[in-house]
PDB file of N, CA and C in Angstrom:
ATOM      1  N   MET A   1     -61.835  46.698 -11.944  1.00  0.00           N
ATOM      2  CA  MET A   1     -61.624  45.589 -12.845  1.00  0.00           C
ATOM      3  C   MET A   1     -62.860  44.699 -12.859  1.00  0.00           C
ATOM      4  N   ASP A   2     -63.285  44.336 -14.058  1.00  0.00           N
ATOM      5  CA  ASP A   2     -64.451  43.462 -14.190  1.00  0.00           C
ATOM      6  C   ASP A   2     -64.097  42.049 -13.773  1.00  0.00           C
ATOM      7  N   GLU A   3     -65.064  41.383 -13.205  1.00  0.00           N
ATOM      8  CA  GLU A   3     -64.864  39.989 -12.807  1.00  0.00           C
ATOM      9  C   GLU A   3     -65.031  39.094 -14.035  1.00  0.00           C
ATOM     10  N   VAL A   4     -64.117  38.159 -14.199  1.00  0.00           N
ATOM     11  CA  VAL A   4     -64.182  37.220 -15.312  1.00  0.00           C
ATOM     12  C   VAL A   4     -65.192  36.136 -14.957  1.00  0.00           C
ATOM     13  N   PRO A   5     -66.203  35.933 -15.827  1.00  0.00           N
ATOM     14  CA  PRO A   5     -67.204  34.896 -15.509  1.00  0.00           C
ATOM     15  C   PRO A   5     -66.577  33.501 -15.557  1.00  0.00           C
ATOM     16  N   ALA A   6     -67.191  32.602 -14.814  1.00  0.00           N
ATOM     17  CA  ALA A   6     -66.718  31.213 -14.794  1.00  0.00           C
ATOM     18  C   ALA A   6     -66.848  30.608 -16.183  1.00  0.00           C
ATOM     19  N   PHE A   7     -65.901  29.740 -16.560  1.00  0.00           N
ATOM     20  CA  PHE A   7     -65.928  29.069 -17.858  1.00  0.00           C
ATOM     21  C   PHE A   7     -67.094  28.101 -17.910  1.00  0.00           C
ATOM     22  N   LYS A   8     -67.854  28.198 -18.986  1.00  0.00           N
ATOM     23  CA  LYS A   8     -68.968  27.271 -19.207  1.00  0.00           C
ATOM     24  C   LYS A   8     -68.745  26.609 -20.551  1.00  0.00           C
ATOM     25  N   PRO A   9     -68.413  25.341 -20.575  1.00  0.00           N
ATOM     26  CA  PRO A   9     -68.197  24.675 -21.865  1.00  0.00           C
ATOM     27  C   PRO A   9     -69.495  24.662 -22.670  1.00  0.00           C
ATOM     28  N   PHE A  10     -69.348  24.786 -23.992  1.00  0.00           N
ATOM     29  CA  PHE A  10     -70.531  24.772 -24.846  1.00  0.00           C
ATOM     30  C   PHE A  10     -70.973  23.337 -25.100  1.00  0.00           C
ATOM     31  N   ASP A  11     -72.231  23.188 -25.375  1.00  0.00           N
ATOM     32  CA  ASP A  11     -72.766  21.869 -25.700  1.00  0.00           C
ATOM     33  C   ASP A  11     -72.330  21.476 -27.095  1.00  0.00           C
ATOM     34  N   THR A  12     -71.992  20.237 -27.275  1.00  0.00           N
ATOM     35  CA  THR A  12     -71.674  19.722 -28.600  1.00  0.00           C
ATOM     36  C   THR A  12     -72.984  19.428 -29.312  1.00  0.00           C
ATOM     37  N   VAL A  13     -73.122  20.012 -30.483  1.00  0.00           N
ATOM     38  CA  VAL A  13     -74.350  19.856 -31.246  1.00  0.00           C
ATOM     39  C   VAL A  13     -74.026  19.063 -32.503  1.00  0.00           C
ATOM     40  N   PRO A  14     -74.723  17.959 -32.755  1.00  0.00           N
ATOM     41  CA  PRO A  14     -74.433  17.177 -33.958  1.00  0.00           C
ATOM     42  C   PRO A  14     -74.835  17.937 -35.220  1.00  0.00           C
ATOM     43  N   PHE A  15     -74.342  17.465 -36.361  1.00  0.00           N
ATOM     44  CA  PHE A  15     -74.734  18.066 -37.629  1.00  0.00           C
ATOM     45  C   PHE A  15     -76.243  17.948 -37.786  1.00  0.00           C
ATOM     46  N   PRO A  16     -76.907  18.990 -38.273  1.00  0.00           N
ATOM     47  CA  PRO A  16     -78.343  18.884 -38.529  1.00  0.00           C
ATOM     48  C   PRO A  16     -78.617  17.815 -39.587  1.00  0.00           C
ATOM     49  N   ALA A  17     -79.711  17.113 -39.436  1.00  0.00           N
ATOM     50  CA  ALA A  17     -80.044  16.036 -40.369  1.00  0.00           C
ATOM     51  C   ALA A  17     -80.236  16.553 -41.793  1.00  0.00           C
ATOM     52  N   ASP A  18     -80.676  17.811 -41.934  1.00  0.00           N
ATOM     53  CA  ASP A  18     -80.944  18.334 -43.273  1.00  0.00           C
ATOM     54  C   ASP A  18     -79.755  19.092 -43.863  1.00  0.00           C
ATOM     55  N   GLU A  19     -78.612  19.081 -43.173  1.00  0.00           N
ATOM     56  CA  GLU A  19     -77.446  19.794 -43.696  1.00  0.00           C
ATOM     57  C   GLU A  19     -76.856  19.047 -44.879  1.00  0.00           C
ATOM     58  N   ALA A  20     -76.455  19.798 -45.893  1.00  0.00           N
ATOM     59  CA  ALA A  20     -75.862  19.184 -47.081  1.00  0.00           C
ATOM     60  C   ALA A  20     -74.591  18.438 -46.709  1.00  0.00           C
ATOM     61  N   ARG A  21     -74.303  17.406 -47.446  1.00  0.00           N
ATOM     62  CA  ARG A  21     -73.072  16.639 -47.220  1.00  0.00           C
ATOM     63  C   ARG A  21     -72.308  16.575 -48.531  1.00  0.00           C
ATOM     64  N   ILE A  22     -71.029  16.955 -48.468  1.00  0.00           N
ATOM     65  CA  ILE A  22     -70.183  16.941 -49.654  1.00  0.00           C
ATOM     66  C   ILE A  22     -69.509  15.576 -49.694  1.00  0.00           C
ATOM     67  N   VAL A  23     -70.067  14.664 -50.457  1.00  0.00           N
ATOM     68  CA  VAL A  23     -69.562  13.294 -50.474  1.00  0.00           C
ATOM     69  C   VAL A  23     -68.374  13.147 -51.401  1.00  0.00           C
ATOM     70  N   ARG A  24     -68.478  13.694 -52.571  1.00  0.00           N
ATOM     71  CA  ARG A  24     -67.407  13.572 -53.564  1.00  0.00           C
ATOM     72  C   ARG A  24     -67.325  14.891 -54.310  1.00  0.00           C
ATOM     73  N   ARG A  25     -66.135  15.293 -54.602  1.00  0.00           N
ATOM     74  CA  ARG A  25     -65.964  16.550 -55.308  1.00  0.00           C
ATOM     75  C   ARG A  25     -64.890  16.382 -56.356  1.00  0.00           C
ATOM     76  N   ALA A  26     -65.284  16.321 -57.603  1.00  0.00           N
ATOM     77  CA  ALA A  26     -64.312  16.237 -58.691  1.00  0.00           C
ATOM     78  C   ALA A  26     -63.926  17.654 -59.066  1.00  0.00           C
ATOM     79  N   ILE A  27     -62.668  17.961 -58.978  1.00  0.00           N
ATOM     80  CA  ILE A  27     -62.205  19.298 -59.278  1.00  0.00           C
ATOM     81  C   ILE A  27     -61.330  19.242 -60.521  1.00  0.00           C
ATOM     82  N   ASP A  28     -61.802  19.876 -61.582  1.00  0.00           N
ATOM     83  CA  ASP A  28     -61.037  19.861 -62.826  1.00  0.00           C
ATOM     84  C   ASP A  28     -60.557  21.258 -63.205  1.00  0.00           C
ATOM     85  N   CYS A  29     -60.586  22.168 -62.236  1.00  0.00           N
ATOM     86  CA  CYS A  29     -60.085  23.514 -62.479  1.00  0.00           C
ATOM     87  C   CYS A  29     -59.209  23.917 -61.301  1.00  0.00           C
ATOM     88  N   GLN A  30     -58.450  24.972 -61.475  1.00  0.00           N
ATOM     89  CA  GLN A  30     -57.581  25.425 -60.402  1.00  0.00           C
ATOM     90  C   GLN A  30     -58.422  26.115 -59.338  1.00  0.00           C
ATOM     91  N   VAL A  31     -58.263  25.689 -58.105  1.00  0.00           N
ATOM     92  CA  VAL A  31     -59.027  26.235 -57.001  1.00  0.00           C
ATOM     93  C   VAL A  31     -58.096  27.075 -56.134  1.00  0.00           C
ATOM     94  N   PRO A  32     -58.514  28.298 -55.782  1.00  0.00           N
ATOM     95  CA  PRO A  32     -57.688  29.076 -54.864  1.00  0.00           C
ATOM     96  C   PRO A  32     -57.615  28.364 -53.511  1.00  0.00           C
ATOM     97  N   SER A  33     -56.624  28.697 -52.734  1.00  0.00           N
ATOM     98  CA  SER A  33     -56.488  28.084 -51.411  1.00  0.00           C
ATOM     99  C   SER A  33     -57.670  28.485 -50.537  1.00  0.00           C
ATOM    100  N   LEU A  34     -57.932  27.700 -49.524  1.00  0.00           N
ATOM    101  CA  LEU A  34     -59.003  28.000 -48.577  1.00  0.00           C
ATOM    102  C   LEU A  34     -58.767  29.362 -47.933  1.00  0.00           C
ATOM    103  N   GLU A  35     -57.515  29.652 -47.606  1.00  0.00           N
ATOM    104  CA  GLU A  35     -57.188  30.939 -46.993  1.00  0.00           C
ATOM    105  C   GLU A  35     -57.542  32.101 -47.927  1.00  0.00           C
ATOM    106  N   THR A  36     -57.250  31.951 -49.213  1.00  0.00           N
ATOM    107  CA  THR A  36     -57.550  33.001 -50.189  1.00  0.00           C
ATOM    108  C   THR A  36     -59.050  33.209 -50.319  1.00  0.00           C
ATOM    109  N   VAL A  37     -59.807  32.119 -50.408  1.00  0.00           N
ATOM    110  CA  VAL A  37     -61.268  32.236 -50.537  1.00  0.00           C
ATOM    111  C   VAL A  37     -61.848  32.921 -49.308  1.00  0.00           C
ATOM    112  N   ILE A  38     -61.442  32.505 -48.118  1.00  0.00           N
ATOM    113  CA  ILE A  38     -61.984  33.106 -46.895  1.00  0.00           C
ATOM    114  C   ILE A  38     -61.592  34.581 -46.797  1.00  0.00           C
ATOM    115  N   LYS A  39     -60.354  34.924 -47.149  1.00  0.00           N
ATOM    116  CA  LYS A  39     -59.928  36.324 -47.109  1.00  0.00           C
ATOM    117  C   LYS A  39     -60.733  37.150 -48.101  1.00  0.00           C
ATOM    118  N   ASP A  40     -60.921  36.629 -49.317  1.00  0.00           N
ATOM    119  CA  ASP A  40     -61.689  37.355 -50.327  1.00  0.00           C
ATOM    120  C   ASP A  40     -63.156  37.514 -49.916  1.00  0.00           C
ATOM    121  N   LEU A  41     -63.723  36.500 -49.278  1.00  0.00           N
ATOM    122  CA  LEU A  41     -65.089  36.620 -48.767  1.00  0.00           C
ATOM    123  C   LEU A  41     -65.147  37.690 -47.675  1.00  0.00           C
ATOM    124  N   TYR A  42     -64.184  37.658 -46.782  1.00  0.00           N
ATOM    125  CA  TYR A  42     -64.102  38.647 -45.711  1.00  0.00           C
ATOM    126  C   TYR A  42     -64.029  40.057 -46.291  1.00  0.00           C
ATOM    127  N   ASP A  43     -63.173  40.237 -47.293  1.00  0.00           N
ATOM    128  CA  ASP A  43     -63.032  41.551 -47.934  1.00  0.00           C
ATOM    129  C   ASP A  43     -64.340  42.017 -48.559  1.00  0.00           C
ATOM    130  N   SER A  44     -65.209  41.083 -48.921  1.00  0.00           N
ATOM    131  CA  SER A  44     -66.521  41.410 -49.495  1.00  0.00           C
ATOM    132  C   SER A  44     -67.623  41.412 -48.436  1.00  0.00           C
ATOM    133  N   GLU A  45     -67.214  41.366 -47.169  1.00  0.00           N
ATOM    134  CA  GLU A  45     -68.138  41.401 -46.039  1.00  0.00           C
ATOM    135  C   GLU A  45     -69.092  40.209 -46.010  1.00  0.00           C
ATOM    136  N   ILE A  46     -68.584  39.060 -46.433  1.00  0.00           N
ATOM    137  CA  ILE A  46     -69.335  37.807 -46.368  1.00  0.00           C
ATOM    138  C   ILE A  46     -68.667  36.940 -45.302  1.00  0.00           C
ATOM    139  N   THR A  47     -69.435  36.528 -44.325  1.00  0.00           N
ATOM    140  CA  THR A  47     -68.903  35.718 -43.242  1.00  0.00           C
ATOM    141  C   THR A  47     -68.940  34.249 -43.635  1.00  0.00           C
ATOM    142  N   ALA A  48     -67.855  33.553 -43.381  1.00  0.00           N
ATOM    143  CA  ALA A  48     -67.767  32.125 -43.705  1.00  0.00           C
ATOM    144  C   ALA A  48     -66.850  31.448 -42.704  1.00  0.00           C
ATOM    145  N   GLY A  49     -66.916  30.143 -42.645  1.00  0.00           N
ATOM    146  CA  GLY A  49     -66.039  29.446 -41.721  1.00  0.00           C
ATOM    147  C   GLY A  49     -65.920  27.967 -42.013  1.00  0.00           C
ATOM    148  N   VAL A  50     -64.903  27.386 -41.402  1.00  0.00           N
ATOM    149  CA  VAL A  50     -64.625  25.954 -41.499  1.00  0.00           C
ATOM    150  C   VAL A  50     -64.343  25.477 -40.089  1.00  0.00           C
ATOM    151  N   GLN A  51     -64.861  24.327 -39.750  1.00  0.00           N
ATOM    152  CA  GLN A  51     -64.698  23.798 -38.403  1.00  0.00           C
ATOM    153  C   GLN A  51     -64.438  22.309 -38.471  1.00  0.00           C
ATOM    154  N   SER A  52     -63.386  21.876 -37.784  1.00  0.00           N
ATOM    155  CA  SER A  52     -63.199  20.432 -37.658  1.00  0.00           C
ATOM    156  C   SER A  52     -64.152  19.957 -36.572  1.00  0.00           C
ATOM    157  N   TYR A  53     -64.671  18.778 -36.750  1.00  0.00           N
ATOM    158  CA  TYR A  53     -65.708  18.275 -35.857  1.00  0.00           C
ATOM    159  C   TYR A  53     -65.456  16.792 -35.646  1.00  0.00           C
ATOM    160  N   HIS A  54     -64.490  16.483 -34.802  1.00  0.00           N
ATOM    161  CA  HIS A  54     -64.105  15.095 -34.568  1.00  0.00           C
ATOM    162  C   HIS A  54     -65.219  14.369 -33.838  1.00  0.00           C
ATOM    163  N   PRO A  55     -65.597  13.198 -34.201  1.00  0.00           N
ATOM    164  CA  PRO A  55     -65.035  12.309 -35.209  1.00  0.00           C
ATOM    165  C   PRO A  55     -65.778  12.364 -36.533  1.00  0.00           C
ATOM    166  N   ASN A  56     -66.607  13.391 -36.729  1.00  0.00           N
ATOM    167  CA  ASN A  56     -67.500  13.407 -37.890  1.00  0.00           C
ATOM    168  C   ASN A  56     -66.993  14.150 -39.112  1.00  0.00           C
ATOM    169  N   GLY A  57     -65.811  14.739 -39.056  1.00  0.00           N
ATOM    170  CA  GLY A  57     -65.276  15.367 -40.262  1.00  0.00           C
ATOM    171  C   GLY A  57     -65.124  16.860 -40.160  1.00  0.00           C
ATOM    172  N   LEU A  58     -65.563  17.544 -41.205  1.00  0.00           N
ATOM    173  CA  LEU A  58     -65.336  18.971 -41.366  1.00  0.00           C
ATOM    174  C   LEU A  58     -66.646  19.647 -41.736  1.00  0.00           C
ATOM    175  N   ARG A  59     -66.904  20.781 -41.116  1.00  0.00           N
ATOM    176  CA  ARG A  59     -68.113  21.545 -41.417  1.00  0.00           C
ATOM    177  C   ARG A  59     -67.707  22.852 -42.087  1.00  0.00           C
ATOM    178  N   VAL A  60     -68.438  23.266 -43.099  1.00  0.00           N
ATOM    179  CA  VAL A  60     -68.198  24.495 -43.832  1.00  0.00           C
ATOM    180  C   VAL A  60     -69.503  25.276 -43.823  1.00  0.00           C
ATOM    181  N   TRP A  61     -69.428  26.594 -43.602  1.00  0.00           N
ATOM    182  CA  TRP A  61     -70.655  27.379 -43.625  1.00  0.00           C
ATOM    183  C   TRP A  61     -70.391  28.765 -44.189  1.00  0.00           C
ATOM    184  N   ILE A  62     -71.489  29.408 -44.589  1.00  0.00           N
ATOM    185  CA  ILE A  62     -71.428  30.765 -45.098  1.00  0.00           C
ATOM    186  C   ILE A  62     -72.634  31.503 -44.534  1.00  0.00           C
ATOM    187  N   GLY A  63     -72.423  32.731 -44.081  1.00  0.00           N
ATOM    188  CA  GLY A  63     -73.452  33.494 -43.378  1.00  0.00           C
ATOM    189  C   GLY A  63     -73.057  33.576 -41.910  1.00  0.00           C
ATOM    190  N   ASP A  64     -73.936  34.077 -41.064  1.00  0.00           N
ATOM    191  CA  ASP A  64     -73.625  34.157 -39.643  1.00  0.00           C
ATOM    192  C   ASP A  64     -74.898  34.227 -38.815  1.00  0.00           C
ATOM    193  N   GLN A  65     -74.739  34.177 -37.495  1.00  0.00           N
ATOM    194  CA  GLN A  65     -75.902  34.157 -36.620  1.00  0.00           C
ATOM    195  C   GLN A  65     -76.648  35.489 -36.626  1.00  0.00           C
ATOM    196  N   LEU A  66     -75.949  36.615 -36.803  1.00  0.00           N
ATOM    197  CA  LEU A  66     -76.617  37.916 -36.827  1.00  0.00           C
ATOM    198  C   LEU A  66     -77.445  38.110 -38.087  1.00  0.00           C
ATOM    199  N   ASN A  67     -76.886  37.755 -39.229  1.00  0.00           N
ATOM    200  CA  ASN A  67     -77.558  37.983 -40.504  1.00  0.00           C
ATOM    201  C   ASN A  67     -78.247  36.743 -41.056  1.00  0.00           C
ATOM    202  N   GLY A  68     -78.072  35.640 -40.395  1.00  0.00           N
ATOM    203  CA  GLY A  68     -78.685  34.398 -40.830  1.00  0.00           C
ATOM    204  C   GLY A  68     -77.692  33.485 -41.527  1.00  0.00           C
ATOM    205  N   LEU A  69     -77.635  32.252 -41.090  1.00  0.00           N
ATOM    206  CA  LEU A  69     -76.762  31.260 -41.715  1.00  0.00           C
ATOM    207  C   LEU A  69     -77.356  30.942 -43.079  1.00  0.00           C
ATOM    208  N   ALA A  70     -76.618  31.278 -44.121  1.00  0.00           N
ATOM    209  CA  ALA A  70     -77.144  31.107 -45.479  1.00  0.00           C
ATOM    210  C   ALA A  70     -77.096  29.652 -45.923  1.00  0.00           C
ATOM    211  N   ALA A  71     -76.009  28.955 -45.631  1.00  0.00           N
ATOM    212  CA  ALA A  71     -75.878  27.561 -46.042  1.00  0.00           C
ATOM    213  C   ALA A  71     -74.743  26.916 -45.253  1.00  0.00           C
ATOM    214  N   SER A  72     -74.837  25.619 -45.086  1.00  0.00           N
ATOM    215  CA  SER A  72     -73.756  24.866 -44.459  1.00  0.00           C
ATOM    216  C   SER A  72     -73.725  23.467 -45.044  1.00  0.00           C
ATOM    217  N   ALA A  73     -72.573  22.857 -44.947  1.00  0.00           N
ATOM    218  CA  ALA A  73     -72.386  21.498 -45.460  1.00  0.00           C
ATOM    219  C   ALA A  73     -71.287  20.841 -44.646  1.00  0.00           C
ATOM    220  N   HIS A  74     -71.180  19.539 -44.768  1.00  0.00           N
ATOM    221  CA  HIS A  74     -70.068  18.876 -44.094  1.00  0.00           C
ATOM    222  C   HIS A  74     -69.484  17.772 -44.947  1.00  0.00           C
ATOM    223  N   ILE A  75     -68.236  17.479 -44.628  1.00  0.00           N
ATOM    224  CA  ILE A  75     -67.503  16.411 -45.294  1.00  0.00           C
ATOM    225  C   ILE A  75     -67.151  15.412 -44.208  1.00  0.00           C
ATOM    226  N   ALA A  76     -67.680  14.218 -44.311  1.00  0.00           N
ATOM    227  CA  ALA A  76     -67.373  13.189 -43.322  1.00  0.00           C
ATOM    228  C   ALA A  76     -65.975  12.636 -43.590  1.00  0.00           C
ATOM    229  N   ALA A  77     -65.327  12.168 -42.548  1.00  0.00           N
ATOM    230  CA  ALA A  77     -63.960  11.667 -42.659  1.00  0.00           C
ATOM    231  C   ALA A  77     -63.837  10.523 -43.659  1.00  0.00           C
ATOM    232  N   GLU A  78     -64.915   9.782 -43.877  1.00  0.00           N
ATOM    233  CA  GLU A  78     -64.853   8.656 -44.823  1.00  0.00           C
ATOM    234  C   GLU A  78     -65.230   9.048 -46.255  1.00  0.00           C
ATOM    235  N   ASP A  79     -65.609  10.306 -46.478  1.00  0.00           N
ATOM    236  CA  ASP A  79     -65.999  10.756 -47.807  1.00  0.00           C
ATOM    237  C   ASP A  79     -64.783  11.028 -48.685  1.00  0.00           C
ATOM    238  N   ALA A  80     -64.948  10.843 -49.985  1.00  0.00           N
ATOM    239  CA  ALA A  80     -63.856  11.083 -50.921  1.00  0.00           C
ATOM    240  C   ALA A  80     -63.414  12.540 -50.909  1.00  0.00           C
ATOM    241  N   GLY A  81     -64.353  13.461 -50.678  1.00  0.00           N
ATOM    242  CA  GLY A  81     -64.018  14.876 -50.641  1.00  0.00           C
ATOM    243  C   GLY A  81     -63.023  15.228 -49.554  1.00  0.00           C
ATOM    244  N   TRP A  82     -62.962  14.409 -48.524  1.00  0.00           N
ATOM    245  CA  TRP A  82     -62.025  14.620 -47.416  1.00  0.00           C
ATOM    246  C   TRP A  82     -60.585  14.579 -47.919  1.00  0.00           C
ATOM    247  N   LEU A  83     -60.344  13.792 -48.938  1.00  0.00           N
ATOM    248  CA  LEU A  83     -58.987  13.576 -49.425  1.00  0.00           C
ATOM    249  C   LEU A  83     -58.612  14.457 -50.614  1.00  0.00           C
ATOM    250  N   ILE A  84     -59.522  15.282 -51.095  1.00  0.00           N
ATOM    251  CA  ILE A  84     -59.259  16.097 -52.276  1.00  0.00           C
ATOM    252  C   ILE A  84     -59.016  17.539 -51.844  1.00  0.00           C
ATOM    253  N   ASP A  85     -57.817  18.036 -52.110  1.00  0.00           N
ATOM    254  CA  ASP A  85     -57.511  19.426 -51.781  1.00  0.00           C
ATOM    255  C   ASP A  85     -58.457  20.360 -52.523  1.00  0.00           C
ATOM    256  N   GLY A  86     -58.933  21.368 -51.844  1.00  0.00           N
ATOM    257  CA  GLY A  86     -59.779  22.371 -52.481  1.00  0.00           C
ATOM    258  C   GLY A  86     -61.266  22.138 -52.340  1.00  0.00           C
ATOM    259  N   THR A  87     -61.681  21.034 -51.728  1.00  0.00           N
ATOM    260  CA  THR A  87     -63.109  20.730 -51.619  1.00  0.00           C
ATOM    261  C   THR A  87     -63.859  21.814 -50.850  1.00  0.00           C
ATOM    262  N   ALA A  88     -63.375  22.184 -49.672  1.00  0.00           N
ATOM    263  CA  ALA A  88     -64.044  23.199 -48.856  1.00  0.00           C
ATOM    264  C   ALA A  88     -63.978  24.563 -49.535  1.00  0.00           C
ATOM    265  N   ALA A  89     -62.839  24.898 -50.122  1.00  0.00           N
ATOM    266  CA  ALA A  89     -62.686  26.184 -50.810  1.00  0.00           C
ATOM    267  C   ALA A  89     -63.660  26.279 -51.978  1.00  0.00           C
ATOM    268  N   MET A  90     -63.796  25.225 -52.762  1.00  0.00           N
ATOM    269  CA  MET A  90     -64.706  25.239 -53.907  1.00  0.00           C
ATOM    270  C   MET A  90     -66.158  25.360 -53.451  1.00  0.00           C
ATOM    271  N   TRP A  91     -66.521  24.668 -52.384  1.00  0.00           N
ATOM    272  CA  TRP A  91     -67.893  24.764 -51.884  1.00  0.00           C
ATOM    273  C   TRP A  91     -68.189  26.196 -51.447  1.00  0.00           C
ATOM    274  N   LEU A  92     -67.271  26.810 -50.694  1.00  0.00           N
ATOM    275  CA  LEU A  92     -67.475  28.187 -50.249  1.00  0.00           C
ATOM    276  C   LEU A  92     -67.583  29.143 -51.437  1.00  0.00           C
ATOM    277  N   HIS A  93     -66.714  28.967 -52.421  1.00  0.00           N
ATOM    278  CA  HIS A  93     -66.732  29.813 -53.610  1.00  0.00           C
ATOM    279  C   HIS A  93     -68.087  29.700 -54.321  1.00  0.00           C
ATOM    280  N   GLU A  94     -68.511  28.479 -54.600  1.00  0.00           N
ATOM    281  CA  GLU A  94     -69.773  28.269 -55.315  1.00  0.00           C
ATOM    282  C   GLU A  94     -70.961  28.810 -54.513  1.00  0.00           C
ATOM    283  N   ALA A  95     -70.943  28.608 -53.197  1.00  0.00           N
ATOM    284  CA  ALA A  95     -72.033  29.101 -52.353  1.00  0.00           C
ATOM    285  C   ALA A  95     -72.074  30.624 -52.359  1.00  0.00           C
ATOM    286  N   ALA A  96     -70.921  31.269 -52.288  1.00  0.00           N
ATOM    287  CA  ALA A  96     -70.872  32.738 -52.282  1.00  0.00           C
ATOM    288  C   ALA A  96     -71.403  33.318 -53.587  1.00  0.00           C
ATOM    289  N   VAL A  97     -70.992  32.748 -54.703  1.00  0.00           N
ATOM    290  CA  VAL A  97     -71.444  33.250 -56.005  1.00  0.00           C
ATOM    291  C   VAL A  97     -72.953  33.046 -56.153  1.00  0.00           C
ATOM    292  N   ARG A  98     -73.462  31.912 -55.675  1.00  0.00           N
ATOM    293  CA  ARG A  98     -74.890  31.607 -55.788  1.00  0.00           C
ATOM    294  C   ARG A  98     -75.738  32.443 -54.818  1.00  0.00           C
ATOM    295  N   LEU A  99     -75.276  32.579 -53.568  1.00  0.00           N
ATOM    296  CA  LEU A  99     -76.085  33.224 -52.533  1.00  0.00           C
ATOM    297  C   LEU A  99     -75.916  34.741 -52.466  1.00  0.00           C
ATOM    298  N   TYR A 100     -74.791  35.230 -52.941  1.00  0.00           N
ATOM    299  CA  TYR A 100     -74.506  36.663 -52.877  1.00  0.00           C
ATOM    300  C   TYR A 100     -74.096  37.170 -54.270  1.00  0.00           C
ATOM    301  N   PRO A 101     -74.970  37.043 -55.257  1.00  0.00           N
ATOM    302  CA  PRO A 101     -74.597  37.359 -56.640  1.00  0.00           C
ATOM    303  C   PRO A 101     -74.232  38.823 -56.874  1.00  0.00           C
ATOM    304  N   THR A 102     -74.690  39.730 -56.028  1.00  0.00           N
ATOM    305  CA  THR A 102     -74.359  41.143 -56.220  1.00  0.00           C
ATOM    306  C   THR A 102     -73.150  41.584 -55.398  1.00  0.00           C
ATOM    307  N   SER A 103     -72.553  40.662 -54.668  1.00  0.00           N
ATOM    308  CA  SER A 103     -71.390  41.011 -53.840  1.00  0.00           C
ATOM    309  C   SER A 103     -70.172  41.298 -54.712  1.00  0.00           C
ATOM    310  N   GLU A 104     -69.226  42.032 -54.135  1.00  0.00           N
ATOM    311  CA  GLU A 104     -67.973  42.273 -54.838  1.00  0.00           C
ATOM    312  C   GLU A 104     -67.299  40.949 -55.184  1.00  0.00           C
ATOM    313  N   TYR A 105     -67.386  39.989 -54.270  1.00  0.00           N
ATOM    314  CA  TYR A 105     -66.766  38.677 -54.500  1.00  0.00           C
ATOM    315  C   TYR A 105     -67.344  38.042 -55.764  1.00  0.00           C
ATOM    316  N   ALA A 106     -68.661  37.931 -55.827  1.00  0.00           N
ATOM    317  CA  ALA A 106     -69.302  37.262 -56.972  1.00  0.00           C
ATOM    318  C   ALA A 106     -69.072  38.028 -58.267  1.00  0.00           C
ATOM    319  N   GLN A 107     -69.081  39.340 -58.203  1.00  0.00           N
ATOM    320  CA  GLN A 107     -68.920  40.146 -59.410  1.00  0.00           C
ATOM    321  C   GLN A 107     -67.558  39.929 -60.074  1.00  0.00           C
ATOM    322  N   ARG A 108     -66.566  39.521 -59.311  1.00  0.00           N
ATOM    323  CA  ARG A 108     -65.248  39.235 -59.884  1.00  0.00           C
ATOM    324  C   ARG A 108     -65.279  38.027 -60.808  1.00  0.00           C
ATOM    325  N   PHE A 109     -66.307  37.196 -60.689  1.00  0.00           N
ATOM    326  CA  PHE A 109     -66.383  35.957 -61.449  1.00  0.00           C
ATOM    327  C   PHE A 109     -67.468  35.972 -62.516  1.00  0.00           C
ATOM    328  N   VAL A 110     -68.155  37.086 -62.663  1.00  0.00           N
ATOM    329  CA  VAL A 110     -69.200  37.204 -63.680  1.00  0.00           C
ATOM    330  C   VAL A 110     -68.521  37.400 -65.031  1.00  0.00           C
ATOM    331  N   VAL A 111     -68.933  36.605 -65.988  1.00  0.00           N
ATOM    332  CA  VAL A 111     -68.392  36.716 -67.345  1.00  0.00           C
ATOM    333  C   VAL A 111     -69.262  37.715 -68.097  1.00  0.00           C
ATOM    334  N   PRO A 112     -68.656  38.778 -68.649  1.00  0.00           N
ATOM    335  CA  PRO A 112     -69.451  39.751 -69.397  1.00  0.00           C
ATOM    336  C   PRO A 112     -70.155  39.105 -70.589  1.00  0.00           C
ATOM    337  N   ALA A 113     -71.371  39.567 -70.863  1.00  0.00           N
ATOM    338  CA  ALA A 113     -72.143  39.048 -71.995  1.00  0.00           C
ATOM    339  C   ALA A 113     -71.483  39.468 -73.307  1.00  0.00           C
ATOM    340  N   GLN A 114     -71.501  38.566 -74.270  1.00  0.00           N
ATOM    341  CA  GLN A 114     -70.978  38.859 -75.610  1.00  0.00           C
ATOM    342  C   GLN A 114     -71.967  39.739 -76.342  1.00  0.00           C
ATOM    343  N   THR A 115     -71.478  40.755 -77.026  1.00  0.00           N
ATOM    344  CA  THR A 115     -72.381  41.609 -77.794  1.00  0.00           C
ATOM    345  C   THR A 115     -72.144  41.456 -79.274  1.00  0.00           C
TER     346      THR A 115
END
């Protein structure tokens, strides 16, 4: 049986100064649930995540440490986006379509050209 290593708590790292901040998000269209967006990204092999970060709010990211963090943003607890359902889901959706335009995920949202 392998020996279980001693628990080492991770260091708390503040939000990077250059990370985008989602201050306000006006949503005038129907947004899929956060669970649906993350599942659909997963199905397209796009890594994404959401993390609560008390007392500073919520962090959203797309990409990963192996392939490179493509983008991240945060919503501070005092921001208007904190109170609007769908803010994190919409950010992830828009980031995926912009950063991974050839992915299966993005291709589902491409509007065919009129001929």
